[in-house]
Amino acid sequence: MSTQHNSLAGAEFLKRETAGLAEPAGSRALGEATERSARQIRELAAGIPQWQDWREAAHAVKQYVLANLDRLLVEFERNLTARGVTVLWAEDAREANRLVLELAREHKVKNVVKSKTMVSEEMELNHALAAEGIRAVETDLGEYLVQLAGQRPVHIVTPALHLSAADCGRLFAEKLGEPFTAEHQALTDIARRHLREEYLKADMGISGVNFGIAETGTLVVVENEGNAGLSTSAPPVHVALMGIEKLLPRMEYLPLFLNLLARSGTGQKLTSYTHLIDGPVPGRKMYVIILDNGRTRVLADRMTRMALGCIRCGACLNNCPVYRRVGGWAYGWVYPGPIGSIVTPLLAGLDKAGKLPFASSLCGACAEACPVKIDLAHQLVHLRHRATSEPSPVRSFWERLMWKAWAWSMSGPLRYRLTMAAVRLGVRLAKYLPWHPLQLGAWTRGRDLPEVPGPAFRATWKEEGK
């Protein structure tokens, strides 16, 4: 893949060639796992009397950050620079990739270890490095698994949630030449053994940033496996990638967000490792690349601005009935679930991702679970309005005609009754159509048409009235 490839050029969900919303495997396991996780986190939160106060406080802090982002970014850069860190700014993914590649050439990098970073997924950095002959290895276990499998992550916290232990055993046997096993500890030992060698030979470590503290220039990286600590400290060069929105004003707010992130993401009181990075180790180099990549456009829209307050906990995914059903790949880009249905159209553009806001039931479960109280449901409605009111190549002539016909048919009682009678008849007859169901659209590619339920409510009401 060319280094000029820009991931914002269109996600799989947005391309005509997409196989649709059915994932190849694992959707049932994913649905069960996310439902179990959501239930566990709800029970945990219910046992904390101050939980809603924490959410309110975090919401207020993030609102302040977004309202004062220009000043806080300048303060953050000044304090980073004072600690010996080189700060670089990237307008988009293309420029961020160019900066990483320039650093790699400057330091003669051949091998890279990466801890979890969603920004690098936005950049499709691994492809850019591979095109330059640089080998990049994901060290987060879930990311490592999906990299070996040649897949995208299905979840922003647990990337390989769709893979069973047996799937992992077969993957290690095929890709690493290890004897097959489905025993969890044995699989972990295999991964640890192979990754240890990668840390030792790496010329550069790349990490994400969970929080940047403006007043001190501190980078905060949280994790559970120890891989981020090794990726940032073992190689002679550390490059941290962060979006412009990842700031907190002062260190005093960090405990609040650590409490919310761990509990909302994995149900823990605190993640196993919380790294506070205050500059490079003596004799080593450290760079921070701060990326915009469309975020200032999100900031400019007051209705969607708070989407930048997301702390990437994945709670909205776990609680979303649509995500549980279709999984992460159906959303086609880095960010799946309700937050993905908002940030992807905002970052990639409504012309490319204007359909994603409609991939929601608007039940509101996502907003109730969000630890920073992002009003996800209303943002989805706002983006639906924009997607249907602004000129967009996403909406074809036939789609526009369909919605006009729908609006006409819903505008009167008689029209409504006739339309619903036609729909019920059409669904009954669809199974006898001569063409393949694939031609009925993406929603029927991975599922059967539903059976028509019993009598219409109007008919039942009329009969009961007698």
Foldseek 3Di string as FASTA:
>chain_A
DELQDAQLVFFLLQDPPRLFLADPFQLQLLLVVLQVLLVLLVVLLVPDPCLVVLLQVLLVQLVVCLVCLVVLVVLLCVQQVVQVAAEAEAAALSRVLVVVVVVCVVLVWAEEEEEDALVCQNSVNCVSCVVVNHHYAYLPVQVNQCVLVVHFFQALQRRNSRAALQNLQVSCCVRVVDHGDSDVVVSVVSSVVVVVVRLQPGQEAEYEFLEAESNNSKTKDFAAPCSNVSSQARHQEYEYEYESSRYGHHPVCVLSVQCLLCSLQRNDSGHPDIDIDRHHDPNGHYYYYYYHLQLVQQSVDPLRNCLSSASRRRNQLSQFPLCSNRTRCSLRGSDDGLSSLQVSCRRSHCQRRLCSLVSGPLPQRSQVSGSNNDSSSVSSVVSNCCSVPPDHPSQDPVNVVVVVLVVVQPPDDVSVVVVVVVVLVCLVCVVVDPDDCPVVDSVPSNHHRDHRDDDDPVVVVVVVVD
